[in-house]
Amino acid sequence: DAFAVHGACGLWGLLAPGFFGSLALNGNGILHGGDQLGTQLLAIALAALWAGGLSLPVFGLLRATGLLRYSEDAQAALERDPASVAKACVDPGTPAAASPAGPLGPALAVLARRPDPEACHAVV
């Protein structure tokens, strides 16, 4: 999820001025006859190299020292937590109560379904 928010949106934020940059806003986008797209592509490559170049050694060190993952005891405790991912999954066939009335009734009924750990077994 972090890549979808930070990576993809950041990529678009760097790429868009190369297309839409207007001279009135100190831009030089390709759709306005400019040549800023190449500069923006270079910025994307440099940002990826910077982030990867700093992340790889840090995560490599964490992995080598065994600090990148939870211990088995901590992982088991997290799975028993009522707010865990497995508990968030629901079986569509087990409503908790009758459907609420009103225009939001069907949507609220989906939200009110009881958690079913078997329905999420593949998630964990």
Protein backbone atom coordinates (compact mmCIF):
# COMPACT_ATOMS: atom_id res chain seq x y z
CA ASP A 1 0.00 0.00 0.00
CA ALA A 2 2.85 2.38 0.66
CA PHE A 3 4.06 2.16 -2.93
CA ALA A 4 0.60 2.90 -4.31
CA VAL A 5 0.41 6.09 -2.26
CA HIS A 6 3.97 7.32 -2.09
CA GLY A 7 5.65 5.64 -5.05
CA ALA A 8 3.01 5.85 -7.78
CA CYS A 9 1.68 9.26 -6.76
CA GLY A 10 5.20 10.60 -6.35
CA LEU A 11 6.11 9.21 -9.77
CA TRP A 12 3.11 10.96 -11.30
CA GLY A 13 3.98 14.15 -9.42
CA LEU A 14 7.43 14.12 -11.00
CA LEU A 15 6.20 13.09 -14.44
CA ALA A 16 3.19 15.42 -14.86
CA PRO A 17 5.16 18.69 -15.16
CA GLY A 18 7.02 17.16 -18.06
CA PHE A 19 3.72 16.90 -19.90
CA PHE A 20 1.65 19.76 -18.56
CA GLY A 21 4.20 22.36 -17.39
CA SER A 22 3.08 25.80 -18.56
CA LEU A 23 5.44 28.69 -19.31
CA ALA A 24 3.14 30.90 -17.23
CA LEU A 25 4.07 28.77 -14.19
CA ASN A 26 7.78 28.49 -15.03
CA GLY A 27 7.21 25.11 -16.67
CA ASN A 28 8.20 23.78 -20.05
CA GLY A 29 5.94 20.78 -20.65
CA ILE A 30 5.88 18.81 -23.86
CA LEU A 31 2.20 19.65 -24.45
CA HIS A 32 3.16 23.34 -24.46
CA GLY A 33 6.03 22.87 -26.91
CA GLY A 34 8.70 22.45 -24.26
CA ASP A 35 11.34 19.85 -23.50
CA GLN A 36 10.97 19.36 -19.74
CA LEU A 37 9.93 15.69 -19.99
CA GLY A 38 13.53 14.49 -20.27
CA THR A 39 14.49 16.42 -17.15
CA GLN A 40 11.56 14.94 -15.26
CA LEU A 41 12.51 11.40 -16.36
CA LEU A 42 16.05 12.04 -15.13
CA ALA A 43 14.62 13.22 -11.79
CA ILE A 44 12.61 9.98 -11.51
CA ALA A 45 15.73 7.89 -12.16
CA LEU A 46 17.77 9.88 -9.64
CA ALA A 47 15.03 9.63 -6.98
CA ALA A 48 14.85 5.85 -7.48
CA LEU A 49 18.63 5.53 -7.22
CA TRP A 50 18.71 7.72 -4.12
CA ALA A 51 15.91 5.83 -2.34
CA GLY A 52 17.25 2.42 -3.35
CA GLY A 53 20.83 3.36 -2.61
CA LEU A 54 19.94 4.39 0.93
CA SER A 55 17.35 1.66 1.61
CA LEU A 56 19.28 -1.39 0.44
CA PRO A 57 22.14 -1.09 2.95
CA VAL A 58 19.78 -0.32 5.83
CA PHE A 59 17.41 -3.22 5.09
CA GLY A 60 20.36 -5.49 4.29
CA LEU A 61 21.86 -4.77 7.69
CA LEU A 62 18.50 -5.31 9.43
CA ARG A 63 18.03 -8.60 7.59
CA ALA A 64 21.56 -9.80 8.35
CA THR A 65 21.10 -9.09 12.06
CA GLY A 66 17.64 -10.71 12.18
CA LEU A 67 15.89 -7.47 13.11
CA LEU A 68 13.74 -7.19 10.00
CA ARG A 69 11.06 -9.63 11.22
CA TYR A 70 9.11 -10.13 14.42
CA SER A 71 10.08 -13.06 16.60
CA GLU A 72 7.80 -16.10 16.40
CA ASP A 73 6.35 -15.28 19.84
CA ALA A 74 5.57 -11.70 18.83
CA GLN A 75 4.04 -12.88 15.53
CA ALA A 76 1.80 -15.37 17.39
CA ALA A 77 0.67 -12.61 19.76
CA LEU A 78 -0.15 -10.34 16.83
CA GLU A 79 -2.25 -13.07 15.22
CA ARG A 80 -4.25 -13.49 18.46
CA ASP A 81 -4.96 -9.76 18.57
CA PRO A 82 -8.66 -9.08 17.88
CA ALA A 83 -7.67 -6.24 15.50
CA SER A 84 -5.34 -8.41 13.42
CA VAL A 85 -5.64 -8.81 9.64
CA ALA A 86 -7.20 -12.25 10.00
CA LYS A 87 -9.93 -10.87 12.24
CA ALA A 88 -10.69 -8.08 9.78
CA CYS A 89 -11.70 -10.56 7.07
CA VAL A 90 -15.33 -11.59 6.97
CA ASP A 91 -17.37 -14.37 5.48
CA PRO A 92 -20.10 -12.78 3.31
CA GLY A 93 -22.54 -15.49 4.43
CA THR A 94 -22.55 -14.64 8.14
CA PRO A 95 -24.39 -11.39 8.83
CA ALA A 96 -24.26 -10.22 12.44
CA ALA A 97 -27.87 -9.03 12.50
CA ALA A 98 -30.76 -8.12 10.26
CA SER A 99 -29.99 -5.59 7.55
CA PRO A 100 -30.30 -1.99 8.73
CA ALA A 101 -33.01 0.05 7.05
CA GLY A 102 -32.55 3.13 4.93
CA PRO A 103 -30.55 4.00 1.83
CA LEU A 104 -27.27 2.90 3.46
CA GLY A 105 -28.74 -0.37 4.75
CA PRO A 106 -26.94 -2.75 2.35
CA ALA A 107 -23.58 -1.02 2.87
CA LEU A 108 -23.99 -1.03 6.66
CA ALA A 109 -24.95 -4.72 6.56
CA VAL A 110 -21.66 -5.53 4.85
CA LEU A 111 -19.77 -3.62 7.54
CA ALA A 112 -21.67 -5.40 10.33
CA ARG A 113 -20.72 -8.94 9.30
CA ARG A 114 -18.94 -11.08 11.85
CA PRO A 115 -15.27 -11.91 11.33
CA ASP A 116 -14.63 -15.41 10.06
CA PRO A 117 -10.96 -16.47 10.45
CA GLU A 118 -11.45 -19.34 7.97
CA ALA A 119 -12.49 -16.88 5.27
CA CYS A 120 -9.15 -15.11 5.62
CA HIS A 121 -6.85 -18.07 6.10
CA ALA A 122 -5.05 -17.25 2.86
CA VAL A 123 -4.49 -13.63 3.96
CA VAL A 124 -2.28 -14.49 6.95
